[in-house]
Amino acid sequence: MHDSFYIQQVLAGHSDAFRMLYRNYASSAWQLAIGICKNQHWAEDAVQNAFVQAFRHLHAFKELSSFKTWLMRIVFRECLAKLKNEQKRRWDAFSPGHETEPDWTPIESSDSLNFERKEQVQMALQQLTEKESLVLNLFYLHELNLKETAEVTGYSESNVKVILHRARKNFKTIYKNL
C-alpha cells in the first residue's frame, strides 16, 4: 500500500498504522543516521527522535514531497542536533588525555567479500567531508534525486550537483588508495 494510505489511517486515529511507515523507512533512516553520526548510540537516538517527531507532526505533512524525503529531513536535523549536543557535552566534560573513538558498526553481510567491500566504502565515506559523505549517502544509498537531496539537506540543487561531483571524484581517489 502507498504511504498516503497509512498517513491517512494515522491521522484518522489508528496510530498502529504508523508501524508500517516505520517498517518501510527504519532501515533508510538508520543508514542515514549512522552515516552522519558515525556512532551507533547517537544514530539510534537520532532515529528514535526522528520517528517520534514524524508521528507528532504527521498532521503538518503536506505531501509536497514524498514521506521518505520528509522523514529523511527530520532524521538529518535530529542527527545534527545530536552531534551538536554531544560535542557540547564532550567539551564540557573534556579531560586531557581522554579521547574516545566513535563507535562504528559496519552493515552486516554473510558474504565476506561483500562485507569487506562495504567496509571499504564506509571507510572511504568517513574520509570525505561531512557534506560530501551526506550527499553521496542520500543520492546513492537512499536513492533520492537531486531535488529530494536538496530538500533534505537544505542546500540548493546546484550546490548539491557541485558537492556530488566533488564527492564522486574524492571518493574514487580515496577508494583506490584503500
N, C-alpha and C. Protein backbone atom coordinates (compact mmCIF):
# COMPACT_ATOMS: atom_id res chain seq x y z
N MET A 1 0.84 -1.18 0.00
CA MET A 1 0.00 0.00 0.00
C MET A 1 0.88 1.25 0.00
N HIS A 2 0.32 2.32 -0.41
CA HIS A 2 1.04 3.58 -0.54
C HIS A 2 1.11 4.29 0.80
N ASP A 3 2.17 5.08 0.99
CA ASP A 3 2.37 5.80 2.25
C ASP A 3 1.17 6.66 2.63
N SER A 4 0.53 7.27 1.65
CA SER A 4 -0.58 8.17 1.96
C SER A 4 -1.72 7.42 2.64
N PHE A 5 -1.91 6.14 2.32
CA PHE A 5 -2.93 5.34 2.99
C PHE A 5 -2.64 5.26 4.49
N TYR A 6 -1.39 4.92 4.83
CA TYR A 6 -1.01 4.78 6.23
C TYR A 6 -1.06 6.13 6.95
N ILE A 7 -0.66 7.16 6.24
CA ILE A 7 -0.71 8.51 6.83
C ILE A 7 -2.15 8.87 7.17
N GLN A 8 -3.06 8.61 6.25
CA GLN A 8 -4.48 8.91 6.49
C GLN A 8 -5.03 8.08 7.65
N GLN A 9 -4.58 6.83 7.75
CA GLN A 9 -5.01 5.97 8.85
C GLN A 9 -4.54 6.53 10.20
N VAL A 10 -3.30 6.97 10.25
CA VAL A 10 -2.76 7.54 11.49
C VAL A 10 -3.52 8.82 11.85
N LEU A 11 -3.74 9.66 10.87
CA LEU A 11 -4.45 10.92 11.10
C LEU A 11 -5.91 10.69 11.51
N ALA A 12 -6.47 9.55 11.11
CA ALA A 12 -7.84 9.20 11.48
C ALA A 12 -7.91 8.57 12.87
N GLY A 13 -6.76 8.45 13.54
CA GLY A 13 -6.75 7.93 14.90
C GLY A 13 -6.25 6.51 15.05
N HIS A 14 -5.87 5.87 13.96
CA HIS A 14 -5.36 4.49 14.00
C HIS A 14 -3.84 4.55 14.07
N SER A 15 -3.33 4.84 15.24
CA SER A 15 -1.89 5.05 15.39
C SER A 15 -1.06 3.81 15.07
N ASP A 16 -1.67 2.63 15.11
CA ASP A 16 -0.94 1.41 14.77
C ASP A 16 -0.47 1.41 13.33
N ALA A 17 -1.11 2.18 12.46
CA ALA A 17 -0.72 2.25 11.06
C ALA A 17 0.66 2.86 10.89
N PHE A 18 1.09 3.61 11.89
CA PHE A 18 2.43 4.21 11.82
C PHE A 18 3.53 3.15 11.81
N ARG A 19 3.21 1.97 12.34
CA ARG A 19 4.18 0.86 12.33
C ARG A 19 4.62 0.50 10.92
N MET A 20 3.69 0.58 9.99
CA MET A 20 4.04 0.26 8.60
C MET A 20 4.99 1.30 8.03
N LEU A 21 4.77 2.55 8.35
CA LEU A 21 5.69 3.60 7.90
C LEU A 21 7.06 3.37 8.53
N TYR A 22 7.06 3.00 9.80
CA TYR A 22 8.32 2.70 10.48
C TYR A 22 9.04 1.54 9.79
N ARG A 23 8.31 0.47 9.54
CA ARG A 23 8.92 -0.71 8.90
C ARG A 23 9.49 -0.36 7.52
N ASN A 24 8.77 0.48 6.78
CA ASN A 24 9.21 0.84 5.43
C ASN A 24 10.47 1.70 5.42
N TYR A 25 10.68 2.52 6.47
CA TYR A 25 11.75 3.51 6.41
C TYR A 25 12.77 3.44 7.54
N ALA A 26 12.63 2.51 8.45
CA ALA A 26 13.58 2.43 9.57
C ALA A 26 15.00 2.15 9.09
N SER A 27 15.14 1.26 8.13
CA SER A 27 16.47 0.91 7.63
C SER A 27 17.13 2.10 6.95
N SER A 28 16.39 2.82 6.12
CA SER A 28 16.93 4.00 5.45
C SER A 28 17.31 5.07 6.46
N ALA A 29 16.44 5.26 7.45
CA ALA A 29 16.72 6.26 8.48
C ALA A 29 17.98 5.89 9.25
N TRP A 30 18.13 4.61 9.59
CA TRP A 30 19.30 4.14 10.32
C TRP A 30 20.57 4.36 9.50
N GLN A 31 20.53 4.00 8.22
CA GLN A 31 21.72 4.15 7.37
C GLN A 31 22.13 5.61 7.24
N LEU A 32 21.16 6.49 7.10
CA LEU A 32 21.47 7.91 7.02
C LEU A 32 22.07 8.40 8.34
N ALA A 33 21.46 8.00 9.45
CA ALA A 33 21.91 8.45 10.77
C ALA A 33 23.32 7.96 11.09
N ILE A 34 23.61 6.71 10.79
CA ILE A 34 24.94 6.19 11.09
C ILE A 34 25.97 6.85 10.18
N GLY A 35 25.56 7.19 8.97
CA GLY A 35 26.47 7.88 8.06
C GLY A 35 26.81 9.29 8.53
N ILE A 36 25.88 9.92 9.20
CA ILE A 36 26.12 11.28 9.71
C ILE A 36 26.77 11.25 11.08
N CYS A 37 26.19 10.47 11.98
CA CYS A 37 26.67 10.47 13.38
C CYS A 37 27.96 9.67 13.56
N LYS A 38 28.12 8.61 12.78
CA LYS A 38 29.29 7.74 12.88
C LYS A 38 29.43 7.14 14.28
N ASN A 39 28.30 6.98 14.95
CA ASN A 39 28.26 6.42 16.29
C ASN A 39 26.93 5.71 16.44
N GLN A 40 26.96 4.44 16.78
CA GLN A 40 25.75 3.62 16.83
C GLN A 40 24.72 4.18 17.81
N HIS A 41 25.14 4.56 18.99
CA HIS A 41 24.19 5.02 20.01
C HIS A 41 23.57 6.36 19.63
N TRP A 42 24.37 7.25 19.10
CA TRP A 42 23.86 8.55 18.67
C TRP A 42 22.88 8.38 17.52
N ALA A 43 23.23 7.48 16.60
CA ALA A 43 22.35 7.23 15.45
C ALA A 43 21.01 6.65 15.91
N GLU A 44 21.07 5.71 16.86
CA GLU A 44 19.83 5.13 17.40
C GLU A 44 18.96 6.20 18.03
N ASP A 45 19.57 7.08 18.82
CA ASP A 45 18.82 8.17 19.45
C ASP A 45 18.21 9.10 18.41
N ALA A 46 18.99 9.44 17.41
CA ALA A 46 18.52 10.35 16.37
C ALA A 46 17.35 9.74 15.60
N VAL A 47 17.44 8.47 15.25
CA VAL A 47 16.37 7.80 14.51
C VAL A 47 15.11 7.71 15.37
N GLN A 48 15.28 7.34 16.62
CA GLN A 48 14.13 7.26 17.52
C GLN A 48 13.45 8.63 17.64
N ASN A 49 14.24 9.66 17.87
CA ASN A 49 13.69 11.01 17.99
C ASN A 49 13.01 11.45 16.70
N ALA A 50 13.60 11.08 15.56
CA ALA A 50 13.02 11.46 14.27
C ALA A 50 11.65 10.82 14.07
N PHE A 51 11.52 9.55 14.41
CA PHE A 51 10.23 8.89 14.25
C PHE A 51 9.19 9.46 15.23
N VAL A 52 9.62 9.79 16.41
CA VAL A 52 8.69 10.42 17.37
C VAL A 52 8.23 11.77 16.82
N GLN A 53 9.18 12.55 16.30
CA GLN A 53 8.82 13.86 15.73
C GLN A 53 7.90 13.69 14.52
N ALA A 54 8.20 12.72 13.67
CA ALA A 54 7.36 12.48 12.50
C ALA A 54 5.94 12.11 12.92
N PHE A 55 5.82 11.26 13.93
CA PHE A 55 4.50 10.87 14.42
C PHE A 55 3.76 12.07 14.98
N ARG A 56 4.44 12.84 15.81
CA ARG A 56 3.80 14.01 16.44
C ARG A 56 3.39 15.07 15.43
N HIS A 57 4.15 15.21 14.35
CA HIS A 57 3.89 16.28 13.39
C HIS A 57 3.37 15.77 12.05
N LEU A 58 2.85 14.55 12.05
CA LEU A 58 2.33 13.99 10.81
C LEU A 58 1.21 14.84 10.21
N HIS A 59 0.46 15.50 11.08
CA HIS A 59 -0.61 16.38 10.59
C HIS A 59 -0.07 17.55 9.76
N ALA A 60 1.20 17.89 9.95
CA ALA A 60 1.81 19.00 9.22
C ALA A 60 2.39 18.56 7.87
N PHE A 61 2.43 17.26 7.62
CA PHE A 61 2.96 16.75 6.36
C PHE A 61 1.98 17.09 5.25
N LYS A 62 2.44 17.87 4.29
CA LYS A 62 1.57 18.38 3.22
C LYS A 62 1.65 17.59 1.92
N GLU A 63 2.46 16.54 1.90
CA GLU A 63 2.66 15.71 0.71
C GLU A 63 3.18 16.51 -0.48
N LEU A 64 3.94 17.59 -0.21
CA LEU A 64 4.61 18.33 -1.28
C LEU A 64 5.82 17.55 -1.77
N SER A 65 6.33 16.68 -0.92
CA SER A 65 7.40 15.77 -1.28
C SER A 65 6.96 14.40 -0.79
N SER A 66 7.77 13.40 -1.03
CA SER A 66 7.42 12.06 -0.56
C SER A 66 7.59 12.00 0.96
N PHE A 67 6.92 11.05 1.57
CA PHE A 67 7.06 10.87 3.01
C PHE A 67 8.51 10.55 3.34
N LYS A 68 9.17 9.76 2.49
CA LYS A 68 10.57 9.39 2.72
C LYS A 68 11.45 10.63 2.77
N THR A 69 11.26 11.54 1.83
CA THR A 69 12.06 12.78 1.81
C THR A 69 11.81 13.59 3.07
N TRP A 70 10.55 13.71 3.44
CA TRP A 70 10.18 14.46 4.65
C TRP A 70 10.81 13.83 5.89
N LEU A 71 10.73 12.51 5.98
CA LEU A 71 11.30 11.80 7.13
C LEU A 71 12.82 11.93 7.15
N MET A 72 13.47 11.80 5.99
CA MET A 72 14.93 11.90 5.94
C MET A 72 15.38 13.30 6.36
N ARG A 73 14.60 14.31 6.07
CA ARG A 73 14.93 15.67 6.51
C ARG A 73 14.87 15.74 8.04
N ILE A 74 13.88 15.10 8.63
CA ILE A 74 13.77 15.07 10.09
C ILE A 74 14.95 14.30 10.69
N VAL A 75 15.31 13.17 10.09
CA VAL A 75 16.46 12.39 10.57
C VAL A 75 17.72 13.23 10.48
N PHE A 76 17.90 13.91 9.36
CA PHE A 76 19.06 14.77 9.16
C PHE A 76 19.15 15.82 10.27
N ARG A 77 18.05 16.49 10.54
CA ARG A 77 18.03 17.52 11.60
C ARG A 77 18.31 16.93 12.97
N GLU A 78 17.73 15.78 13.24
CA GLU A 78 17.96 15.12 14.53
C GLU A 78 19.42 14.72 14.69
N CYS A 79 20.04 14.26 13.61
CA CYS A 79 21.46 13.90 13.66
C CYS A 79 22.32 15.12 13.95
N LEU A 80 22.03 16.21 13.27
CA LEU A 80 22.80 17.44 13.51
C LEU A 80 22.62 17.91 14.96
N ALA A 81 21.40 17.83 15.46
CA ALA A 81 21.14 18.23 16.85
C ALA A 81 21.89 17.31 17.81
N LYS A 82 21.88 16.01 17.52
CA LYS A 82 22.58 15.04 18.37
C LYS A 82 24.08 15.31 18.38
N LEU A 83 24.65 15.56 17.21
CA LEU A 83 26.07 15.85 17.12
C LEU A 83 26.42 17.13 17.88
N LYS A 84 25.58 18.13 17.73
CA LYS A 84 25.81 19.40 18.42
C LYS A 84 25.76 19.20 19.94
N ASN A 85 24.76 18.47 20.41
CA ASN A 85 24.63 18.21 21.85
C ASN A 85 25.79 17.39 22.38
N GLU A 86 26.20 16.37 21.62
CA GLU A 86 27.31 15.52 22.06
C GLU A 86 28.63 16.28 22.05
N GLN A 87 28.83 17.13 21.07
CA GLN A 87 30.05 17.93 21.03
C GLN A 87 30.09 18.88 22.22
N LYS A 88 28.96 19.48 22.54
CA LYS A 88 28.90 20.39 23.69
C LYS A 88 29.16 19.61 24.98
N ARG A 89 28.54 18.42 25.08
CA ARG A 89 28.72 17.59 26.27
C ARG A 89 30.18 17.15 26.39
N ARG A 90 30.78 16.78 25.28
CA ARG A 90 32.19 16.39 25.32
C ARG A 90 33.09 17.55 25.70
N TRP A 91 32.78 18.70 25.18
CA TRP A 91 33.58 19.89 25.50
C TRP A 91 33.47 20.19 26.99
N ASP A 92 32.26 20.11 27.53
CA ASP A 92 32.04 20.37 28.95
C ASP A 92 32.74 19.35 29.83
N ALA A 93 32.81 18.11 29.35
CA ALA A 93 33.41 17.04 30.15
C ALA A 93 34.84 16.74 29.71
N PHE A 94 35.45 17.64 28.98
CA PHE A 94 36.78 17.41 28.45
C PHE A 94 37.79 17.20 29.56
N SER A 95 38.55 16.15 29.39
CA SER A 95 39.66 15.93 30.31
C SER A 95 40.87 15.56 29.47
N PRO A 96 42.00 16.24 29.65
CA PRO A 96 43.19 15.98 28.83
C PRO A 96 43.59 14.50 28.85
N GLY A 97 43.96 14.01 27.69
CA GLY A 97 44.42 12.63 27.59
C GLY A 97 43.31 11.62 27.49
N HIS A 98 42.05 12.06 27.53
CA HIS A 98 40.94 11.13 27.47
C HIS A 98 40.18 11.36 26.17
N GLU A 99 40.62 10.66 25.12
CA GLU A 99 39.95 10.78 23.83
C GLU A 99 39.29 9.45 23.51
N THR A 100 38.11 9.53 22.92
CA THR A 100 37.40 8.31 22.55
C THR A 100 37.17 8.30 21.05
N GLU A 101 37.23 7.12 20.51
CA GLU A 101 36.94 6.93 19.09
C GLU A 101 35.44 6.73 18.93
N PRO A 102 34.86 7.20 17.83
CA PRO A 102 33.44 6.93 17.60
C PRO A 102 33.19 5.43 17.47
N ASP A 103 32.04 5.00 17.95
CA ASP A 103 31.63 3.61 17.86
C ASP A 103 31.07 3.39 16.47
N TRP A 104 31.64 2.47 15.69
CA TRP A 104 31.20 2.27 14.31
C TRP A 104 30.92 0.80 14.10
N THR A 105 29.72 0.49 13.67
CA THR A 105 29.35 -0.88 13.38
C THR A 105 29.02 -0.98 11.90
N PRO A 106 29.81 -1.73 11.13
CA PRO A 106 29.53 -1.85 9.71
C PRO A 106 28.24 -2.64 9.45
N ILE A 107 27.68 -2.45 8.28
CA ILE A 107 26.49 -3.18 7.88
C ILE A 107 26.86 -4.66 7.79
N GLU A 108 26.01 -5.52 8.38
CA GLU A 108 26.32 -6.95 8.41
C GLU A 108 26.04 -7.59 7.06
N SER A 109 26.86 -8.58 6.72
CA SER A 109 26.69 -9.32 5.48
C SER A 109 27.26 -10.71 5.67
N SER A 110 26.60 -11.71 5.11
CA SER A 110 27.11 -13.07 5.23
C SER A 110 28.24 -13.34 4.25
N ASP A 111 28.30 -12.63 3.18
CA ASP A 111 29.35 -12.80 2.18
C ASP A 111 30.56 -11.97 2.60
N SER A 112 31.67 -12.63 2.89
CA SER A 112 32.84 -11.91 3.42
C SER A 112 33.42 -10.91 2.43
N LEU A 113 33.41 -11.24 1.14
CA LEU A 113 33.91 -10.31 0.13
C LEU A 113 33.02 -9.07 0.07
N ASN A 114 31.72 -9.30 0.09
CA ASN A 114 30.77 -8.20 0.07
C ASN A 114 30.92 -7.36 1.34
N PHE A 115 31.12 -8.02 2.47
CA PHE A 115 31.33 -7.33 3.74
C PHE A 115 32.57 -6.46 3.68
N GLU A 116 33.64 -6.99 3.11
CA GLU A 116 34.89 -6.24 3.01
C GLU A 116 34.70 -5.00 2.12
N ARG A 117 33.99 -5.15 1.03
CA ARG A 117 33.71 -4.01 0.15
C ARG A 117 32.88 -2.95 0.87
N LYS A 118 31.89 -3.40 1.61
CA LYS A 118 31.06 -2.45 2.36
C LYS A 118 31.90 -1.70 3.38
N GLU A 119 32.81 -2.41 4.03
CA GLU A 119 33.71 -1.75 4.99
C GLU A 119 34.58 -0.71 4.29
N GLN A 120 35.09 -1.06 3.12
CA GLN A 120 35.93 -0.12 2.37
C GLN A 120 35.12 1.10 1.94
N VAL A 121 33.90 0.88 1.51
CA VAL A 121 33.03 2.00 1.13
C VAL A 121 32.78 2.89 2.34
N GLN A 122 32.49 2.29 3.48
CA GLN A 122 32.25 3.06 4.70
C GLN A 122 33.49 3.83 5.12
N MET A 123 34.66 3.20 5.00
CA MET A 123 35.91 3.88 5.35
C MET A 123 36.14 5.07 4.43
N ALA A 124 35.87 4.88 3.15
CA ALA A 124 36.04 5.97 2.19
C ALA A 124 35.05 7.10 2.48
N LEU A 125 33.81 6.75 2.80
CA LEU A 125 32.81 7.77 3.13
C LEU A 125 33.22 8.56 4.37
N GLN A 126 33.83 7.89 5.32
CA GLN A 126 34.27 8.57 6.54
C GLN A 126 35.39 9.56 6.26
N GLN A 127 36.17 9.33 5.22
CA GLN A 127 37.28 10.22 4.91
C GLN A 127 36.86 11.43 4.10
N LEU A 128 35.65 11.39 3.55
CA LEU A 128 35.13 12.54 2.82
C LEU A 128 34.70 13.62 3.80
N THR A 129 34.49 14.82 3.29
CA THR A 129 33.95 15.86 4.17
C THR A 129 32.53 15.46 4.54
N GLU A 130 32.01 16.07 5.58
CA GLU A 130 30.66 15.75 6.04
C GLU A 130 29.62 15.98 4.94
N LYS A 131 29.75 17.09 4.22
CA LYS A 131 28.80 17.41 3.14
C LYS A 131 28.88 16.38 2.02
N GLU A 132 30.10 16.02 1.63
CA GLU A 132 30.27 15.07 0.54
C GLU A 132 29.71 13.70 0.92
N SER A 133 30.02 13.26 2.11
CA SER A 133 29.53 11.97 2.59
C SER A 133 28.01 11.96 2.64
N LEU A 134 27.43 13.02 3.15
CA LEU A 134 25.98 13.12 3.27
C LEU A 134 25.30 13.06 1.90
N VAL A 135 25.79 13.85 0.97
CA VAL A 135 25.17 13.92 -0.35
C VAL A 135 25.31 12.59 -1.09
N LEU A 136 26.47 11.96 -1.03
CA LEU A 136 26.63 10.64 -1.66
C LEU A 136 25.69 9.62 -1.03
N ASN A 137 25.61 9.65 0.28
CA ASN A 137 24.76 8.74 1.02
C ASN A 137 23.30 8.90 0.59
N LEU A 138 22.82 10.12 0.55
CA LEU A 138 21.43 10.36 0.18
C LEU A 138 21.17 10.00 -1.29
N PHE A 139 22.08 10.38 -2.16
CA PHE A 139 21.87 10.19 -3.59
C PHE A 139 21.96 8.72 -4.00
N TYR A 140 22.98 8.01 -3.51
CA TYR A 140 23.18 6.64 -3.94
C TYR A 140 22.56 5.60 -3.01
N LEU A 141 22.80 5.71 -1.73
CA LEU A 141 22.30 4.68 -0.82
C LEU A 141 20.80 4.80 -0.56
N HIS A 142 20.32 6.03 -0.52
CA HIS A 142 18.89 6.24 -0.26
C HIS A 142 18.10 6.54 -1.52
N GLU A 143 18.82 6.61 -2.64
CA GLU A 143 18.23 6.79 -3.96
C GLU A 143 17.31 8.01 -4.06
N LEU A 144 17.72 9.10 -3.40
CA LEU A 144 16.98 10.35 -3.54
C LEU A 144 17.52 11.07 -4.77
N ASN A 145 16.64 11.74 -5.50
CA ASN A 145 17.11 12.50 -6.65
C ASN A 145 17.71 13.83 -6.18
N LEU A 146 18.19 14.64 -7.13
CA LEU A 146 18.84 15.91 -6.76
C LEU A 146 17.90 16.83 -5.98
N LYS A 147 16.67 16.93 -6.43
CA LYS A 147 15.69 17.81 -5.77
C LYS A 147 15.42 17.33 -4.34
N GLU A 148 15.21 16.03 -4.18
CA GLU A 148 14.95 15.48 -2.85
C GLU A 148 16.16 15.64 -1.94
N THR A 149 17.36 15.43 -2.48
CA THR A 149 18.58 15.60 -1.70
C THR A 149 18.70 17.05 -1.25
N ALA A 150 18.36 17.99 -2.13
CA ALA A 150 18.39 19.40 -1.78
C ALA A 150 17.37 19.70 -0.68
N GLU A 151 16.19 19.09 -0.75
CA GLU A 151 15.17 19.30 0.27
C GLU A 151 15.63 18.79 1.63
N VAL A 152 16.25 17.61 1.64
CA VAL A 152 16.71 17.03 2.91
C VAL A 152 17.82 17.86 3.54
N THR A 153 18.77 18.28 2.73
CA THR A 153 19.95 18.97 3.26
C THR A 153 19.76 20.47 3.45
N GLY A 154 18.82 21.03 2.69
CA GLY A 154 18.65 22.48 2.73
C GLY A 154 19.58 23.20 1.78
N TYR A 155 20.37 22.46 1.01
CA TYR A 155 21.24 23.05 0.01
C TYR A 155 20.43 23.32 -1.26
N SER A 156 20.93 24.19 -2.11
CA SER A 156 20.28 24.40 -3.41
C SER A 156 20.60 23.20 -4.31
N GLU A 157 19.79 23.00 -5.34
CA GLU A 157 20.04 21.89 -6.26
C GLU A 157 21.40 22.03 -6.94
N SER A 158 21.75 23.26 -7.31
CA SER A 158 23.05 23.46 -7.96
C SER A 158 24.19 23.16 -6.99
N ASN A 159 24.01 23.50 -5.73
CA ASN A 159 25.03 23.19 -4.73
C ASN A 159 25.15 21.68 -4.55
N VAL A 160 24.02 20.98 -4.56
CA VAL A 160 24.04 19.52 -4.45
C VAL A 160 24.81 18.92 -5.62
N LYS A 161 24.60 19.45 -6.83
CA LYS A 161 25.31 18.95 -8.01
C LYS A 161 26.81 19.13 -7.86
N VAL A 162 27.23 20.30 -7.37
CA VAL A 162 28.66 20.57 -7.20
C VAL A 162 29.25 19.64 -6.13
N ILE A 163 28.55 19.53 -5.01
CA ILE A 163 29.03 18.66 -3.92
C ILE A 163 29.09 17.21 -4.41
N LEU A 164 28.07 16.78 -5.14
CA LEU A 164 28.03 15.41 -5.66
C LEU A 164 29.19 15.15 -6.61
N HIS A 165 29.49 16.11 -7.47
CA HIS A 165 30.61 15.97 -8.40
C HIS A 165 31.93 15.83 -7.64
N ARG A 166 32.16 16.73 -6.68
CA ARG A 166 33.40 16.66 -5.88
C ARG A 166 33.47 15.37 -5.07
N ALA A 167 32.33 14.99 -4.51
CA ALA A 167 32.29 13.78 -3.68
C ALA A 167 32.64 12.54 -4.49
N ARG A 168 32.09 12.44 -5.70
CA ARG A 168 32.41 11.29 -6.57
C ARG A 168 33.90 11.24 -6.86
N LYS A 169 34.45 12.39 -7.21
CA LYS A 169 35.87 12.47 -7.54
C LYS A 169 36.73 12.10 -6.33
N ASN A 170 36.44 12.68 -5.19
CA ASN A 170 37.21 12.39 -3.97
C ASN A 170 37.02 10.96 -3.51
N PHE A 171 35.79 10.45 -3.61
CA PHE A 171 35.52 9.07 -3.21
C PHE A 171 36.35 8.10 -4.05
N LYS A 172 36.37 8.33 -5.36
CA LYS A 172 37.11 7.46 -6.27
C LYS A 172 38.58 7.43 -5.89
N THR A 173 39.15 8.59 -5.61
CA THR A 173 40.57 8.69 -5.22
C THR A 173 40.82 7.95 -3.92
N ILE A 174 39.98 8.19 -2.93
CA ILE A 174 40.16 7.56 -1.61
C ILE A 174 39.99 6.05 -1.71
N TYR A 175 38.96 5.61 -2.42
CA TYR A 175 38.66 4.18 -2.52
C TYR A 175 39.79 3.42 -3.20
N LYS A 176 40.39 4.04 -4.24
CA LYS A 176 41.53 3.40 -4.93
C LYS A 176 42.71 3.21 -3.99
N ASN A 177 42.89 4.12 -3.04
CA ASN A 177 44.04 4.07 -2.15
C ASN A 177 43.82 3.20 -0.91
N LEU A 178 42.66 2.60 -0.77
CA LEU A 178 42.42 1.74 0.39
C LEU A 178 42.96 0.36 0.17
